[in-house]
Amino acid sequence: MKNYFDYAKMKQVLSSAKVRKICFLSAGLIFVLFIIWLVGLFITPGHFRPVEFISDGQVSQYLTNRVLPELYNKSQFNRPFEIVFTEQGINDIVSRHIDANSLRRSSFSDISVTFKKGRILLASKMAYHGFDFVVTAVLKPYVNKKGYFSTGVKIQAGTSSIPFAANMVKRKVLYNLSGITNDSNIADYAGVFLSGNKIVPEFSFNHRSLRIEKIVVRKKELIVYFLPG
C-alpha cells in the first residue's frame, strides 16, 4: 500500500519555530474559546424573564377576551387577515396553563417566552446532574414558498450554543410536557415547533378552514397572517 505521508518533511515543518508558534497560538485560542463557551453555560441570558405562575383555575382572559374573539370575527369575512399576538399576552397564557409544581418535578423551574426580531425565545431553567442551566429553544418560524411551515430550532444553555445536545434537550422537553400542563394541546403544539419538520399550516376554526400564509416576529410581537381555506 502506497504511503502518502512524507514523515521526514512533516517533521521538518513541525520543527520550524514559526510553525510551532502558530500551533501554540492556535491551541491557546481554542482553549480561550472553550473557556468562554463553558462560562457561558452558567450565565443567565438577558431575555430570561420568568412568568409568575397563577393557579386560580381561570383561563387566560387574553386568550378568551382577545385572541379567540378576534380570530372568530375576522374569519367570518372569507378574506385574508392577520392577528397580532403580544409577548405579554402569550406569557399570560403560559402562566395560567402550565402547572408550576409539575414543572419543578420534571427538573424544570420557571419559564418565559420572548419575541425578538425574527426569533421566538422559549426559555426555562433546567436542573441537570446537580447544575442549573437556563435552556433556550431559539425558534425562527417561517412559511416557505411551497406553503410549508417550519421552525429553524437551535438550543442554547445560558449564552452558549449546544448543537451536540439539541436533540437530547428536545426529547426531555417533549417527554415532560404532558405532565406539566393542564392543556392537552400544548404538547402537540410544542412538538410541532421543536421538531423543525415542515408541515402544512392548515387548521379548522369555527367550521371554517384557515391556512397560515406568513409569520413575522418583531420585538414583543408575533404577527400571523391567515388565508381562508
Protein backbone atom coordinates (compact mmCIF):
# COMPACT_ATOMS: atom_id res chain seq x y z
CA MET A 1 0.00 0.00 0.00
CA LYS A 2 1.41 3.37 -1.06
CA ASN A 3 2.42 5.73 1.74
CA TYR A 4 1.05 9.19 1.04
CA PHE A 5 2.76 10.84 4.04
CA ASP A 6 6.26 12.23 3.85
CA TYR A 7 7.15 11.91 7.52
CA ALA A 8 10.58 13.45 7.10
CA LYS A 9 9.10 16.56 5.51
CA MET A 10 6.37 16.75 8.15
CA LYS A 11 9.00 16.52 10.89
CA GLN A 12 10.99 19.28 9.20
CA VAL A 13 7.92 21.53 9.00
CA LEU A 14 6.96 20.93 12.64
CA SER A 15 10.49 21.71 13.77
CA SER A 16 10.14 25.24 12.39
CA ALA A 17 9.89 27.86 15.15
CA LYS A 18 7.28 29.76 13.13
CA VAL A 19 5.07 26.70 12.75
CA ARG A 20 5.41 25.85 16.46
CA LYS A 21 4.42 29.42 17.33
CA ILE A 22 1.34 29.24 15.08
CA CYS A 23 0.34 25.88 16.62
CA PHE A 24 0.83 27.27 20.14
CA LEU A 25 -1.26 30.38 19.40
CA SER A 26 -3.99 28.28 17.75
CA ALA A 27 -4.14 25.93 20.72
CA GLY A 28 -4.30 28.92 23.08
CA LEU A 29 -7.12 30.50 21.08
CA ILE A 30 -9.10 27.24 21.09
CA PHE A 31 -8.60 26.94 24.86
CA VAL A 32 -9.78 30.54 25.45
CA LEU A 33 -12.85 30.00 23.25
CA PHE A 34 -13.65 26.81 25.15
CA ILE A 35 -13.43 28.63 28.49
CA ILE A 36 -15.72 31.39 27.18
CA TRP A 37 -18.19 28.75 25.98
CA LEU A 38 -18.01 26.87 29.30
CA VAL A 39 -18.58 30.03 31.37
CA GLY A 40 -21.45 30.99 29.06
CA LEU A 41 -23.33 27.81 30.03
CA PHE A 42 -23.94 29.23 33.51
CA ILE A 43 -24.82 32.81 32.53
CA THR A 44 -28.47 33.84 32.79
CA PRO A 45 -29.36 35.37 29.41
CA GLY A 46 -30.99 38.79 29.37
CA HIS A 47 -34.13 37.52 27.65
CA PHE A 48 -34.98 35.19 30.54
CA ARG A 49 -37.76 36.92 32.50
CA PRO A 50 -39.76 34.13 34.19
CA VAL A 51 -43.53 34.39 34.36
CA GLU A 52 -45.33 34.41 37.68
CA PHE A 53 -47.49 31.29 37.72
CA ILE A 54 -51.17 31.80 38.50
CA SER A 55 -53.14 28.89 39.95
CA ASP A 56 -56.62 30.37 40.40
CA GLY A 57 -58.09 27.92 37.90
CA GLN A 58 -59.17 30.66 35.50
CA VAL A 59 -58.43 30.63 31.79
CA SER A 60 -56.31 33.48 30.45
CA GLN A 61 -58.50 36.48 29.65
CA TYR A 62 -56.06 37.41 26.91
CA LEU A 63 -56.97 34.14 25.21
CA THR A 64 -60.72 34.26 25.82
CA ASN A 65 -61.35 38.01 25.50
CA ARG A 66 -58.81 38.99 22.88
CA VAL A 67 -57.39 36.21 20.72
CA LEU A 68 -60.40 33.93 20.23
CA PRO A 69 -62.96 36.72 19.59
CA GLU A 70 -60.62 38.42 17.13
CA LEU A 71 -59.97 35.14 15.33
CA TYR A 72 -63.70 34.41 15.25
CA ASN A 73 -64.70 37.85 13.95
CA LYS A 74 -62.00 38.19 11.30
CA SER A 75 -62.51 34.67 9.95
CA GLN A 76 -66.16 35.44 9.12
CA PHE A 77 -65.37 37.63 6.12
CA ASN A 78 -63.69 34.95 3.99
CA ARG A 79 -60.69 37.16 3.18
CA PRO A 80 -57.06 37.40 4.34
CA PHE A 81 -56.44 38.82 7.81
CA GLU A 82 -53.77 38.99 10.46
CA ILE A 83 -53.67 38.72 14.24
CA VAL A 84 -51.03 40.29 16.45
CA PHE A 85 -50.01 38.23 19.48
CA THR A 86 -48.23 40.20 22.19
CA GLU A 87 -45.37 38.83 24.23
CA GLN A 88 -47.15 39.83 27.42
CA GLY A 89 -50.35 38.07 26.33
CA ILE A 90 -48.60 34.83 25.40
CA ASN A 91 -46.79 34.79 28.75
CA ASP A 92 -50.15 35.31 30.48
CA ILE A 93 -51.45 32.19 28.71
CA VAL A 94 -48.32 30.28 29.76
CA SER A 95 -48.63 31.43 33.38
CA ARG A 96 -52.18 30.03 33.64
CA HIS A 97 -51.85 26.84 31.59
CA ILE A 98 -48.57 25.46 32.96
CA ASP A 99 -48.62 23.74 36.35
CA ALA A 100 -45.66 25.11 38.34
CA ASN A 101 -45.42 22.13 40.74
CA SER A 102 -45.37 19.60 37.91
CA LEU A 103 -42.81 21.77 36.13
CA ARG A 104 -40.44 21.55 39.09
CA ARG A 105 -40.93 17.78 39.44
CA SER A 106 -39.82 17.48 35.82
CA SER A 107 -36.43 19.11 36.54
CA PHE A 108 -37.64 22.46 35.20
CA SER A 109 -38.34 25.66 37.12
CA ASP A 110 -39.52 28.95 35.69
CA ILE A 111 -40.31 29.61 32.05
CA SER A 112 -40.54 32.59 29.71
CA VAL A 113 -41.39 33.43 26.12
CA THR A 114 -39.67 36.34 24.39
CA PHE A 115 -40.30 37.78 20.94
CA LYS A 116 -37.30 39.32 19.19
CA LYS A 117 -36.85 40.31 15.56
CA GLY A 118 -37.19 37.08 13.56
CA ARG A 119 -36.97 34.84 16.64
CA ILE A 120 -39.07 33.32 19.40
CA LEU A 121 -37.08 32.50 22.53
CA LEU A 122 -38.66 29.79 24.68
CA ALA A 123 -36.57 29.61 27.85
CA SER A 124 -36.70 27.58 31.05
CA LYS A 125 -34.38 26.78 33.93
CA MET A 126 -33.39 23.12 33.90
CA ALA A 127 -31.56 21.05 36.53
CA TYR A 128 -29.04 18.58 35.07
CA HIS A 129 -26.64 16.47 37.16
CA GLY A 130 -26.73 18.94 40.04
CA PHE A 131 -26.27 22.04 37.89
CA ASP A 132 -28.87 24.63 36.92
CA PHE A 133 -28.92 25.92 33.36
CA VAL A 134 -31.23 28.34 31.58
CA VAL A 135 -32.03 26.40 28.42
CA THR A 136 -33.43 28.34 25.46
CA ALA A 137 -35.06 26.99 22.31
CA VAL A 138 -34.40 29.62 19.63
CA LEU A 139 -37.19 29.31 17.06
CA LYS A 140 -37.30 31.00 13.66
CA PRO A 141 -40.79 30.25 12.34
CA TYR A 142 -41.48 30.73 8.64
CA VAL A 143 -43.72 29.58 5.81
CA ASN A 144 -41.78 28.77 2.64
CA LYS A 145 -42.83 29.40 -0.97
CA LYS A 146 -44.49 25.99 -1.17
CA GLY A 147 -46.70 26.84 1.82
CA TYR A 148 -44.98 24.63 4.38
CA PHE A 149 -44.48 25.85 7.93
CA SER A 150 -41.26 25.12 9.77
CA THR A 151 -39.02 26.43 12.53
CA GLY A 152 -35.26 26.57 12.48
CA VAL A 153 -34.66 25.27 16.00
CA LYS A 154 -31.43 25.91 17.88
CA ILE A 155 -30.79 25.06 21.53
CA GLN A 156 -28.56 27.04 23.86
CA ALA A 157 -27.67 26.79 27.54
CA GLY A 158 -27.02 30.15 29.12
CA THR A 159 -25.47 32.14 26.29
CA SER A 160 -23.68 29.17 24.70
CA SER A 161 -24.98 27.07 21.81
CA ILE A 162 -25.13 23.31 22.41
CA PRO A 163 -25.82 21.76 18.98
CA PHE A 164 -24.49 18.35 20.10
CA ALA A 165 -27.14 18.17 22.86
CA ALA A 166 -30.03 19.76 20.97
CA ASN A 167 -31.90 16.51 20.30
CA MET A 168 -31.47 15.35 23.90
CA VAL A 169 -32.92 18.61 25.23
CA LYS A 170 -35.83 18.48 22.76
CA ARG A 171 -36.70 14.93 23.84
CA LYS A 172 -36.53 15.88 27.52
CA VAL A 173 -38.81 18.89 27.00
CA LEU A 174 -41.38 16.96 24.96
CA TYR A 175 -41.29 13.96 27.34
CA ASN A 176 -42.08 16.16 30.34
CA LEU A 177 -44.64 18.47 28.72
CA SER A 178 -47.51 16.03 29.15
CA GLY A 179 -47.04 16.24 32.92
CA ILE A 180 -46.54 19.98 33.36
CA THR A 181 -49.53 21.37 31.52
CA ASN A 182 -53.26 21.16 32.09
CA ASP A 183 -53.87 21.79 28.39
CA SER A 184 -53.57 18.63 26.27
CA ASN A 185 -52.90 20.65 23.10
CA ILE A 186 -49.74 22.36 24.36
CA ALA A 187 -47.57 19.25 23.96
CA ASP A 188 -48.79 18.84 20.38
CA TYR A 189 -48.01 22.46 19.55
CA ALA A 190 -44.60 22.24 21.21
CA GLY A 191 -43.87 19.08 19.25
CA VAL A 192 -44.54 20.91 16.00
CA PHE A 193 -42.33 23.86 16.97
CA LEU A 194 -39.44 21.86 18.40
CA SER A 195 -39.33 19.16 15.75
CA GLY A 196 -38.30 21.55 12.98
CA ASN A 197 -40.24 19.41 10.49
CA LYS A 198 -42.16 21.02 7.66
CA ILE A 199 -45.94 20.81 7.96
CA VAL A 200 -48.90 22.24 6.08
CA PRO A 201 -50.16 25.07 8.37
CA GLU A 202 -53.88 24.43 7.88
CA PHE A 203 -56.48 24.07 10.60
CA SER A 204 -60.20 24.35 11.20
CA PHE A 205 -61.76 27.03 13.41
CA ASN A 206 -65.49 27.53 13.92
CA HIS A 207 -66.22 25.21 10.97
CA ARG A 208 -64.00 27.29 8.71
CA SER A 209 -60.75 26.21 7.13
CA LEU A 210 -57.80 28.56 7.64
CA ARG A 211 -54.22 28.50 6.47
CA ILE A 212 -51.23 30.43 7.81
CA GLU A 213 -49.68 32.42 4.97
CA LYS A 214 -46.86 34.20 6.77
CA ILE A 215 -45.37 34.70 10.23
CA VAL A 216 -43.50 37.82 11.28
CA VAL A 217 -41.75 38.10 14.64
CA ARG A 218 -40.94 41.60 15.89
CA LYS A 219 -39.83 42.90 19.26
CA LYS A 220 -42.55 41.90 21.75
CA GLU A 221 -44.97 40.96 18.91
CA LEU A 222 -45.81 37.93 16.80
CA ILE A 223 -47.91 38.62 13.69
CA VAL A 224 -49.65 35.71 11.97
CA TYR A 225 -51.21 36.21 8.55
CA PHE A 226 -54.16 33.94 7.68
CA LEU A 227 -55.84 32.95 4.44
CA PRO A 228 -59.31 31.38 4.16
CA GLY A 229 -59.14 27.73 3.10
